[in-house]
Amino acid sequence: MLRSVVNYRELIKLVRHIAEDEQYCTKCLVNNVTKINCVKPETCRKQVRYCEENNIFYRTYRLEEERAYRTVIKYLHHSNDTEDIREELYELGHSV
């Protein structure tokens, strides 16, 4: 999300330059805020990098694959050693 967008045409030129031929969609919101949705995560990262390098104020959300997730394991006995659980989860390919 970009704030204080005054010239929409210039913004679209910039997004096309960064996104190249990829599909994206824009949505104009209130108070000169424009929302840009990209199809590929790589393009989103490029746009964020461009905004950071050029001191453009923006707001973004974490990509789904970058979000941490939490799991609750129910019905374990209190005498189970947490280190044993950690090792078994590690063997299954999970990082704890």
PDB file of N, CA and C in Angstrom:
ATOM      1  N   MET A   1       0.843  -1.172   0.000  1.00  0.00           N
ATOM      2  CA  MET A   1       0.000   0.000   0.000  1.00  0.00           C
ATOM      3  C   MET A   1       0.889   1.236   0.000  1.00  0.00           C
ATOM      4  N   LEU A   2       0.628   2.100  -0.921  1.00  0.00           N
ATOM      5  CA  LEU A   2       1.390   3.341  -1.038  1.00  0.00           C
ATOM      6  C   LEU A   2       0.504   4.510  -0.645  1.00  0.00           C
ATOM      7  N   ARG A   3       1.069   5.407   0.132  1.00  0.00           N
ATOM      8  CA  ARG A   3       0.325   6.592   0.564  1.00  0.00           C
ATOM      9  C   ARG A   3       0.743   7.805  -0.261  1.00  0.00           C
ATOM     10  N   SER A   4      -0.089   8.793  -0.238  1.00  0.00           N
ATOM     11  CA  SER A   4       0.169  10.083  -0.889  1.00  0.00           C
ATOM     12  C   SER A   4       0.470   9.935  -2.371  1.00  0.00           C
ATOM     13  N   VAL A   5      -0.292   9.112  -3.044  1.00  0.00           N
ATOM     14  CA  VAL A   5      -0.135   8.968  -4.492  1.00  0.00           C
ATOM     15  C   VAL A   5      -0.853  10.131  -5.154  1.00  0.00           C
ATOM     16  N   VAL A   6      -0.076  10.985  -5.817  1.00  0.00           N
ATOM     17  CA  VAL A   6      -0.647  12.169  -6.456  1.00  0.00           C
ATOM     18  C   VAL A   6      -0.880  11.913  -7.942  1.00  0.00           C
ATOM     19  N   ASN A   7       0.075  11.242  -8.583  1.00  0.00           N
ATOM     20  CA  ASN A   7      -0.013  11.002 -10.018  1.00  0.00           C
ATOM     21  C   ASN A   7      -0.102   9.489 -10.261  1.00  0.00           C
ATOM     22  N   TYR A   8      -1.296   9.014 -10.523  1.00  0.00           N
ATOM     23  CA  TYR A   8      -1.528   7.584 -10.713  1.00  0.00           C
ATOM     24  C   TYR A   8      -0.817   7.056 -11.954  1.00  0.00           C
ATOM     25  N   ARG A   9      -0.791   7.846 -13.008  1.00  0.00           N
ATOM     26  CA  ARG A   9      -0.145   7.413 -14.259  1.00  0.00           C
ATOM     27  C   ARG A   9       1.342   7.140 -14.052  1.00  0.00           C
ATOM     28  N   GLU A  10       2.016   7.994 -13.292  1.00  0.00           N
ATOM     29  CA  GLU A  10       3.447   7.785 -12.995  1.00  0.00           C
ATOM     30  C   GLU A  10       3.640   6.533 -12.136  1.00  0.00           C
ATOM     31  N   LEU A  11       2.736   6.308 -11.216  1.00  0.00           N
ATOM     32  CA  LEU A  11       2.814   5.114 -10.382  1.00  0.00           C
ATOM     33  C   LEU A  11       2.707   3.857 -11.240  1.00  0.00           C
ATOM     34  N   ILE A  12       1.779   3.831 -12.167  1.00  0.00           N
ATOM     35  CA  ILE A  12       1.596   2.660 -13.022  1.00  0.00           C
ATOM     36  C   ILE A  12       2.814   2.439 -13.908  1.00  0.00           C
ATOM     37  N   LYS A  13       3.422   3.502 -14.403  1.00  0.00           N
ATOM     38  CA  LYS A  13       4.659   3.353 -15.188  1.00  0.00           C
ATOM     39  C   LYS A  13       5.740   2.690 -14.351  1.00  0.00           C
ATOM     40  N   LEU A  14       5.856   3.125 -13.122  1.00  0.00           N
ATOM     41  CA  LEU A  14       6.856   2.567 -12.221  1.00  0.00           C
ATOM     42  C   LEU A  14       6.580   1.095 -11.925  1.00  0.00           C
ATOM     43  N   VAL A  15       5.334   0.777 -11.647  1.00  0.00           N
ATOM     44  CA  VAL A  15       4.971  -0.613 -11.342  1.00  0.00           C
ATOM     45  C   VAL A  15       5.204  -1.494 -12.557  1.00  0.00           C
ATOM     46  N   ARG A  16       4.871  -1.025 -13.728  1.00  0.00           N
ATOM     47  CA  ARG A  16       5.116  -1.806 -14.951  1.00  0.00           C
ATOM     48  C   ARG A  16       6.600  -2.036 -15.176  1.00  0.00           C
ATOM     49  N   HIS A  17       7.407  -1.044 -14.840  1.00  0.00           N
ATOM     50  CA  HIS A  17       8.858  -1.193 -14.983  1.00  0.00           C
ATOM     51  C   HIS A  17       9.381  -2.271 -14.034  1.00  0.00           C
ATOM     52  N   ILE A  18       8.885  -2.289 -12.816  1.00  0.00           N
ATOM     53  CA  ILE A  18       9.345  -3.265 -11.829  1.00  0.00           C
ATOM     54  C   ILE A  18       8.733  -4.634 -12.090  1.00  0.00           C
ATOM     55  N   ALA A  19       7.442  -4.678 -12.388  1.00  0.00           N
ATOM     56  CA  ALA A  19       6.739  -5.948 -12.538  1.00  0.00           C
ATOM     57  C   ALA A  19       6.926  -6.570 -13.910  1.00  0.00           C
ATOM     58  N   GLU A  20       7.453  -5.826 -14.850  1.00  0.00           N
ATOM     59  CA  GLU A  20       7.644  -6.277 -16.227  1.00  0.00           C
ATOM     60  C   GLU A  20       6.321  -6.769 -16.799  1.00  0.00           C
ATOM     61  N   ASP A  21       6.249  -8.027 -17.218  1.00  0.00           N
ATOM     62  CA  ASP A  21       5.031  -8.524 -17.863  1.00  0.00           C
ATOM     63  C   ASP A  21       4.109  -9.265 -16.906  1.00  0.00           C
ATOM     64  N   GLU A  22       4.416  -9.223 -15.644  1.00  0.00           N
ATOM     65  CA  GLU A  22       3.610  -9.968 -14.688  1.00  0.00           C
ATOM     66  C   GLU A  22       2.257  -9.307 -14.476  1.00  0.00           C
ATOM     67  N   GLN A  23       1.295 -10.112 -14.104  1.00  0.00           N
ATOM     68  CA  GLN A  23      -0.026  -9.581 -13.813  1.00  0.00           C
ATOM     69  C   GLN A  23      -0.040  -9.009 -12.396  1.00  0.00           C
ATOM     70  N   TYR A  24      -0.697  -7.914 -12.237  1.00  0.00           N
ATOM     71  CA  TYR A  24      -0.880  -7.279 -10.944  1.00  0.00           C
ATOM     72  C   TYR A  24      -2.186  -6.493 -11.009  1.00  0.00           C
ATOM     73  N   CYS A  25      -2.674  -6.107  -9.882  1.00  0.00           N
ATOM     74  CA  CYS A  25      -3.865  -5.259  -9.892  1.00  0.00           C
ATOM     75  C   CYS A  25      -3.669  -4.138  -8.883  1.00  0.00           C
ATOM     76  N   THR A  26      -4.275  -3.023  -9.179  1.00  0.00           N
ATOM     77  CA  THR A  26      -4.200  -1.875  -8.287  1.00  0.00           C
ATOM     78  C   THR A  26      -5.613  -1.489  -7.874  1.00  0.00           C
ATOM     79  N   LYS A  27      -5.690  -0.875  -6.722  1.00  0.00           N
ATOM     80  CA  LYS A  27      -6.982  -0.424  -6.212  1.00  0.00           C
ATOM     81  C   LYS A  27      -6.764   0.919  -5.528  1.00  0.00           C
ATOM     82  N   CYS A  28      -7.502   1.917  -5.927  1.00  0.00           N
ATOM     83  CA  CYS A  28      -7.400   3.235  -5.320  1.00  0.00           C
ATOM     84  C   CYS A  28      -8.331   3.299  -4.111  1.00  0.00           C
ATOM     85  N   LEU A  29      -7.767   3.658  -2.983  1.00  0.00           N
ATOM     86  CA  LEU A  29      -8.524   3.756  -1.744  1.00  0.00           C
ATOM     87  C   LEU A  29      -8.642   5.224  -1.342  1.00  0.00           C
ATOM     88  N   VAL A  30      -9.247   5.484  -0.218  1.00  0.00           N
ATOM     89  CA  VAL A  30      -9.420   6.856   0.248  1.00  0.00           C
ATOM     90  C   VAL A  30      -8.084   7.451   0.681  1.00  0.00           C
ATOM     91  N   ASN A  31      -8.028   8.770   0.756  1.00  0.00           N
ATOM     92  CA  ASN A  31      -6.858   9.529   1.219  1.00  0.00           C
ATOM     93  C   ASN A  31      -5.604   9.279   0.385  1.00  0.00           C
ATOM     94  N   ASN A  32      -5.766   9.166  -0.923  1.00  0.00           N
ATOM     95  CA  ASN A  32      -4.644   8.985  -1.855  1.00  0.00           C
ATOM     96  C   ASN A  32      -3.802   7.745  -1.547  1.00  0.00           C
ATOM     97  N   VAL A  33      -4.431   6.687  -1.105  1.00  0.00           N
ATOM     98  CA  VAL A  33      -3.745   5.424  -0.853  1.00  0.00           C
ATOM     99  C   VAL A  33      -4.043   4.493  -2.018  1.00  0.00           C
ATOM    100  N   THR A  34      -3.009   3.843  -2.540  1.00  0.00           N
ATOM    101  CA  THR A  34      -3.169   2.890  -3.625  1.00  0.00           C
ATOM    102  C   THR A  34      -2.646   1.536  -3.177  1.00  0.00           C
ATOM    103  N   LYS A  35      -3.444   0.529  -3.399  1.00  0.00           N
ATOM    104  CA  LYS A  35      -3.082  -0.836  -3.031  1.00  0.00           C
ATOM    105  C   LYS A  35      -2.640  -1.566  -4.292  1.00  0.00           C
ATOM    106  N   ILE A  36      -1.477  -2.218  -4.222  1.00  0.00           N
ATOM    107  CA  ILE A  36      -0.943  -2.973  -5.356  1.00  0.00           C
ATOM    108  C   ILE A  36      -0.840  -4.434  -4.937  1.00  0.00           C
ATOM    109  N   ASN A  37      -1.467  -5.312  -5.700  1.00  0.00           N
ATOM    110  CA  ASN A  37      -1.380  -6.754  -5.459  1.00  0.00           C
ATOM    111  C   ASN A  37      -0.631  -7.405  -6.609  1.00  0.00           C
ATOM    112  N   CYS A  38       0.404  -8.160  -6.286  1.00  0.00           N
ATOM    113  CA  CYS A  38       1.207  -8.857  -7.288  1.00  0.00           C
ATOM    114  C   CYS A  38       0.893 -10.344  -7.238  1.00  0.00           C
ATOM    115  N   VAL A  39       1.076 -11.003  -8.381  1.00  0.00           N
ATOM    116  CA  VAL A  39       0.825 -12.432  -8.459  1.00  0.00           C
ATOM    117  C   VAL A  39       1.995 -13.218  -7.880  1.00  0.00           C
ATOM    118  N   LYS A  40       3.215 -12.799  -8.219  1.00  0.00           N
ATOM    119  CA  LYS A  40       4.406 -13.528  -7.781  1.00  0.00           C
ATOM    120  C   LYS A  40       5.046 -12.843  -6.577  1.00  0.00           C
ATOM    121  N   PRO A  41       5.517 -13.630  -5.614  1.00  0.00           N
ATOM    122  CA  PRO A  41       6.180 -13.044  -4.445  1.00  0.00           C
ATOM    123  C   PRO A  41       7.476 -12.312  -4.801  1.00  0.00           C
ATOM    124  N   GLU A  42       8.166 -12.758  -5.844  1.00  0.00           N
ATOM    125  CA  GLU A  42       9.417 -12.099  -6.243  1.00  0.00           C
ATOM    126  C   GLU A  42       9.177 -10.653  -6.649  1.00  0.00           C
ATOM    127  N   THR A  43       8.076 -10.420  -7.346  1.00  0.00           N
ATOM    128  CA  THR A  43       7.748  -9.058  -7.768  1.00  0.00           C
ATOM    129  C   THR A  43       7.405  -8.192  -6.569  1.00  0.00           C
ATOM    130  N   CYS A  44       6.728  -8.755  -5.610  1.00  0.00           N
ATOM    131  CA  CYS A  44       6.407  -8.012  -4.383  1.00  0.00           C
ATOM    132  C   CYS A  44       7.704  -7.604  -3.678  1.00  0.00           C
ATOM    133  N   ARG A  45       8.644  -8.526  -3.603  1.00  0.00           N
ATOM    134  CA  ARG A  45       9.937  -8.213  -2.967  1.00  0.00           C
ATOM    135  C   ARG A  45      10.681  -7.119  -3.734  1.00  0.00           C
ATOM    136  N   LYS A  46      10.612  -7.168  -5.070  1.00  0.00           N
ATOM    137  CA  LYS A  46      11.264  -6.122  -5.883  1.00  0.00           C
ATOM    138  C   LYS A  46      10.658  -4.754  -5.580  1.00  0.00           C
ATOM    139  N   GLN A  47       9.338  -4.706  -5.488  1.00  0.00           N
ATOM    140  CA  GLN A  47       8.679  -3.436  -5.231  1.00  0.00           C
ATOM    141  C   GLN A  47       9.014  -2.899  -3.850  1.00  0.00           C
ATOM    142  N   VAL A  48       9.060  -3.779  -2.866  1.00  0.00           N
ATOM    143  CA  VAL A  48       9.423  -3.355  -1.514  1.00  0.00           C
ATOM    144  C   VAL A  48      10.852  -2.842  -1.500  1.00  0.00           C
ATOM    145  N   ARG A  49      11.753  -3.550  -2.166  1.00  0.00           N
ATOM    146  CA  ARG A  49      13.156  -3.119  -2.236  1.00  0.00           C
ATOM    147  C   ARG A  49      13.272  -1.750  -2.904  1.00  0.00           C
ATOM    148  N   TYR A  50      12.512  -1.540  -3.987  1.00  0.00           N
ATOM    149  CA  TYR A  50      12.539  -0.249  -4.670  1.00  0.00           C
ATOM    150  C   TYR A  50      12.056   0.867  -3.752  1.00  0.00           C
ATOM    151  N   CYS A  51      10.981   0.619  -3.021  1.00  0.00           N
ATOM    152  CA  CYS A  51      10.449   1.632  -2.102  1.00  0.00           C
ATOM    153  C   CYS A  51      11.450   1.957  -1.001  1.00  0.00           C
ATOM    154  N   GLU A  52      12.127   0.952  -0.485  1.00  0.00           N
ATOM    155  CA  GLU A  52      13.118   1.191   0.558  1.00  0.00           C
ATOM    156  C   GLU A  52      14.311   1.983   0.031  1.00  0.00           C
ATOM    157  N   GLU A  53      14.784   1.636  -1.165  1.00  0.00           N
ATOM    158  CA  GLU A  53      15.938   2.330  -1.745  1.00  0.00           C
ATOM    159  C   GLU A  53      15.632   3.783  -2.069  1.00  0.00           C
ATOM    160  N   ASN A  54      14.383   4.082  -2.407  1.00  0.00           N
ATOM    161  CA  ASN A  54      14.008   5.442  -2.816  1.00  0.00           C
ATOM    162  C   ASN A  54      13.227   6.197  -1.746  1.00  0.00           C
ATOM    163  N   ASN A  55      13.235   5.691  -0.526  1.00  0.00           N
ATOM    164  CA  ASN A  55      12.568   6.346   0.608  1.00  0.00           C
ATOM    165  C   ASN A  55      11.103   6.662   0.324  1.00  0.00           C
ATOM    166  N   ILE A  56      10.408   5.696  -0.247  1.00  0.00           N
ATOM    167  CA  ILE A  56       8.983   5.834  -0.515  1.00  0.00           C
ATOM    168  C   ILE A  56       8.237   5.192   0.648  1.00  0.00           C
ATOM    169  N   PHE A  57       7.296   5.940   1.225  1.00  0.00           N
ATOM    170  CA  PHE A  57       6.550   5.420   2.355  1.00  0.00           C
ATOM    171  C   PHE A  57       5.537   4.397   1.855  1.00  0.00           C
ATOM    172  N   TYR A  58       5.594   3.211   2.426  1.00  0.00           N
ATOM    173  CA  TYR A  58       4.699   2.144   2.023  1.00  0.00           C
ATOM    174  C   TYR A  58       4.343   1.302   3.236  1.00  0.00           C
ATOM    175  N   ARG A  59       3.365   0.445   3.049  1.00  0.00           N
ATOM    176  CA  ARG A  59       3.007  -0.523   4.080  1.00  0.00           C
ATOM    177  C   ARG A  59       2.760  -1.844   3.377  1.00  0.00           C
ATOM    178  N   THR A  60       3.249  -2.914   3.956  1.00  0.00           N
ATOM    179  CA  THR A  60       3.073  -4.218   3.340  1.00  0.00           C
ATOM    180  C   THR A  60       2.733  -5.251   4.400  1.00  0.00           C
ATOM    181  N   TYR A  61       2.251  -6.357   3.948  1.00  0.00           N
ATOM    182  CA  TYR A  61       1.962  -7.482   4.814  1.00  0.00           C
ATOM    183  C   TYR A  61       2.957  -8.587   4.488  1.00  0.00           C
ATOM    184  N   ARG A  62       3.207  -9.447   5.442  1.00  0.00           N
ATOM    185  CA  ARG A  62       4.113 -10.566   5.182  1.00  0.00           C
ATOM    186  C   ARG A  62       3.467 -11.509   4.170  1.00  0.00           C
ATOM    187  N   LEU A  63       4.304 -12.050   3.312  1.00  0.00           N
ATOM    188  CA  LEU A  63       3.817 -13.039   2.373  1.00  0.00           C
ATOM    189  C   LEU A  63       3.436 -14.305   3.134  1.00  0.00           C
ATOM    190  N   GLU A  64       2.508 -15.035   2.579  1.00  0.00           N
ATOM    191  CA  GLU A  64       1.997 -16.214   3.279  1.00  0.00           C
ATOM    192  C   GLU A  64       3.101 -17.216   3.577  1.00  0.00           C
ATOM    193  N   GLU A  65       4.024 -17.419   2.633  1.00  0.00           N
ATOM    194  CA  GLU A  65       5.083 -18.399   2.864  1.00  0.00           C
ATOM    195  C   GLU A  65       6.128 -17.908   3.862  1.00  0.00           C
ATOM    196  N   GLU A  66       6.136 -16.623   4.165  1.00  0.00           N
ATOM    197  CA  GLU A  66       7.086 -16.076   5.135  1.00  0.00           C
ATOM    198  C   GLU A  66       6.496 -15.981   6.543  1.00  0.00           C
ATOM    199  N   ARG A  67       5.214 -16.223   6.670  1.00  0.00           N
ATOM    200  CA  ARG A  67       4.566 -16.122   7.965  1.00  0.00           C
ATOM    201  C   ARG A  67       4.900 -17.338   8.827  1.00  0.00           C
ATOM    202  N   ALA A  68       5.108 -17.083  10.087  1.00  0.00           N
ATOM    203  CA  ALA A  68       5.339 -18.179  11.019  1.00  0.00           C
ATOM    204  C   ALA A  68       3.992 -18.795  11.379  1.00  0.00           C
ATOM    205  N   TYR A  69       4.026 -20.039  11.685  1.00  0.00           N
ATOM    206  CA  TYR A  69       2.799 -20.666  12.139  1.00  0.00           C
ATOM    207  C   TYR A  69       3.057 -21.381  13.452  1.00  0.00           C
ATOM    208  N   ARG A  70       2.033 -21.520  14.216  1.00  0.00           N
ATOM    209  CA  ARG A  70       2.132 -22.155  15.526  1.00  0.00           C
ATOM    210  C   ARG A  70       1.208 -23.352  15.556  1.00  0.00           C
ATOM    211  N   THR A  71       1.676 -24.359  16.220  1.00  0.00           N
ATOM    212  CA  THR A  71       0.909 -25.585  16.316  1.00  0.00           C
ATOM    213  C   THR A  71       0.742 -25.957  17.773  1.00  0.00           C
ATOM    214  N   VAL A  72      -0.411 -26.455  18.113  1.00  0.00           N
ATOM    215  CA  VAL A  72      -0.680 -26.916  19.471  1.00  0.00           C
ATOM    216  C   VAL A  72      -0.796 -28.428  19.424  1.00  0.00           C
ATOM    217  N   ILE A  73      -0.033 -29.087  20.253  1.00  0.00           N
ATOM    218  CA  ILE A  73      -0.129 -30.538  20.357  1.00  0.00           C
ATOM    219  C   ILE A  73      -0.941 -30.833  21.610  1.00  0.00           C
ATOM    220  N   LYS A  74      -2.078 -31.447  21.399  1.00  0.00           N
ATOM    221  CA  LYS A  74      -2.997 -31.678  22.511  1.00  0.00           C
ATOM    222  C   LYS A  74      -2.837 -33.090  23.064  1.00  0.00           C
ATOM    223  N   TYR A  75      -3.329 -33.236  24.263  1.00  0.00           N
ATOM    224  CA  TYR A  75      -3.445 -34.527  24.934  1.00  0.00           C
ATOM    225  C   TYR A  75      -2.089 -35.191  25.201  1.00  0.00           C
ATOM    226  N   LEU A  76      -1.083 -34.410  25.530  1.00  0.00           N
ATOM    227  CA  LEU A  76       0.205 -34.962  25.950  1.00  0.00           C
ATOM    228  C   LEU A  76       0.225 -35.028  27.474  1.00  0.00           C
ATOM    229  N   HIS A  77       0.875 -36.029  27.953  1.00  0.00           N
ATOM    230  CA  HIS A  77       1.003 -36.160  29.397  1.00  0.00           C
ATOM    231  C   HIS A  77       2.048 -35.171  29.891  1.00  0.00           C
ATOM    232  N   HIS A  78       1.859 -34.633  31.080  1.00  0.00           N
ATOM    233  CA  HIS A  78       2.753 -33.604  31.617  1.00  0.00           C
ATOM    234  C   HIS A  78       4.163 -34.131  31.886  1.00  0.00           C
ATOM    235  N   SER A  79       4.334 -35.443  31.956  1.00  0.00           N
ATOM    236  CA  SER A  79       5.665 -35.993  32.232  1.00  0.00           C
ATOM    237  C   SER A  79       6.520 -36.119  30.973  1.00  0.00           C
ATOM    238  N   ASN A  80       5.944 -35.825  29.773  1.00  0.00           N
ATOM    239  CA  ASN A  80       6.740 -35.897  28.545  1.00  0.00           C
ATOM    240  C   ASN A  80       7.848 -34.852  28.580  1.00  0.00           C
ATOM    241  N   ASP A  81       9.028 -35.271  28.160  1.00  0.00           N
ATOM    242  CA  ASP A  81      10.173 -34.364  28.116  1.00  0.00           C
ATOM    243  C   ASP A  81      10.066 -33.504  26.858  1.00  0.00           C
ATOM    244  N   THR A  82      10.151 -32.202  27.012  1.00  0.00           N
ATOM    245  CA  THR A  82      10.029 -31.303  25.857  1.00  0.00           C
ATOM    246  C   THR A  82      11.161 -31.505  24.857  1.00  0.00           C
ATOM    247  N   GLU A  83      12.319 -31.931  25.343  1.00  0.00           N
ATOM    248  CA  GLU A  83      13.443 -32.171  24.431  1.00  0.00           C
ATOM    249  C   GLU A  83      13.158 -33.364  23.518  1.00  0.00           C
ATOM    250  N   ASP A  84      12.477 -34.386  24.027  1.00  0.00           N
ATOM    251  CA  ASP A  84      12.093 -35.526  23.193  1.00  0.00           C
ATOM    252  C   ASP A  84      11.112 -35.090  22.103  1.00  0.00           C
ATOM    253  N   ILE A  85      10.172 -34.259  22.474  1.00  0.00           N
ATOM    254  CA  ILE A  85       9.195 -33.758  21.497  1.00  0.00           C
ATOM    255  C   ILE A  85       9.900 -32.934  20.436  1.00  0.00           C
ATOM    256  N   ARG A  86      10.827 -32.083  20.860  1.00  0.00           N
ATOM    257  CA  ARG A  86      11.591 -31.251  19.934  1.00  0.00           C
ATOM    258  C   ARG A  86      12.376 -32.113  18.943  1.00  0.00           C
ATOM    259  N   GLU A  87      13.030 -33.157  19.428  1.00  0.00           N
ATOM    260  CA  GLU A  87      13.818 -34.043  18.562  1.00  0.00           C
ATOM    261  C   GLU A  87      12.940 -34.765  17.554  1.00  0.00           C
ATOM    262  N   GLU A  88      11.775 -35.250  18.002  1.00  0.00           N
ATOM    263  CA  GLU A  88      10.883 -35.944  17.082  1.00  0.00           C
ATOM    264  C   GLU A  88      10.340 -35.003  16.004  1.00  0.00           C
ATOM    265  N   LEU A  89      10.010 -33.784  16.386  1.00  0.00           N
ATOM    266  CA  LEU A  89       9.555 -32.811  15.388  1.00  0.00           C
ATOM    267  C   LEU A  89      10.671 -32.472  14.408  1.00  0.00           C
ATOM    268  N   TYR A  90      11.896 -32.378  14.904  1.00  0.00           N
ATOM    269  CA  TYR A  90      13.042 -32.095  14.034  1.00  0.00           C
ATOM    270  C   TYR A  90      13.245 -33.237  13.030  1.00  0.00           C
ATOM    271  N   GLU A  91      13.068 -34.478  13.463  1.00  0.00           N
ATOM    272  CA  GLU A  91      13.202 -35.624  12.583  1.00  0.00           C
ATOM    273  C   GLU A  91      12.125 -35.623  11.502  1.00  0.00           C
ATOM    274  N   LEU A  92      10.985 -35.048  11.804  1.00  0.00           N
ATOM    275  CA  LEU A  92       9.900 -34.945  10.813  1.00  0.00           C
ATOM    276  C   LEU A  92      10.091 -33.747   9.881  1.00  0.00           C
ATOM    277  N   GLY A  93      11.159 -32.962  10.088  1.00  0.00           N
ATOM    278  CA  GLY A  93      11.450 -31.838   9.191  1.00  0.00           C
ATOM    279  C   GLY A  93      10.938 -30.494   9.648  1.00  0.00           C
ATOM    280  N   HIS A  94      10.560 -30.386  10.900  1.00  0.00           N
ATOM    281  CA  HIS A  94      10.054 -29.119  11.429  1.00  0.00           C
ATOM    282  C   HIS A  94      11.135 -28.449  12.264  1.00  0.00           C
ATOM    283  N   SER A  95      11.184 -27.124  12.220  1.00  0.00           N
ATOM    284  CA  SER A  95      12.104 -26.399  13.080  1.00  0.00           C
ATOM    285  C   SER A  95      11.316 -25.881  14.283  1.00  0.00           C
ATOM    286  N   VAL A  96      11.909 -26.004  15.434  1.00  0.00           N
ATOM    287  CA  VAL A  96      11.228 -25.627  16.665  1.00  0.00           C
ATOM    288  C   VAL A  96      12.005 -24.519  17.331  1.00  0.00           C
TER     289      VAL A  96
END
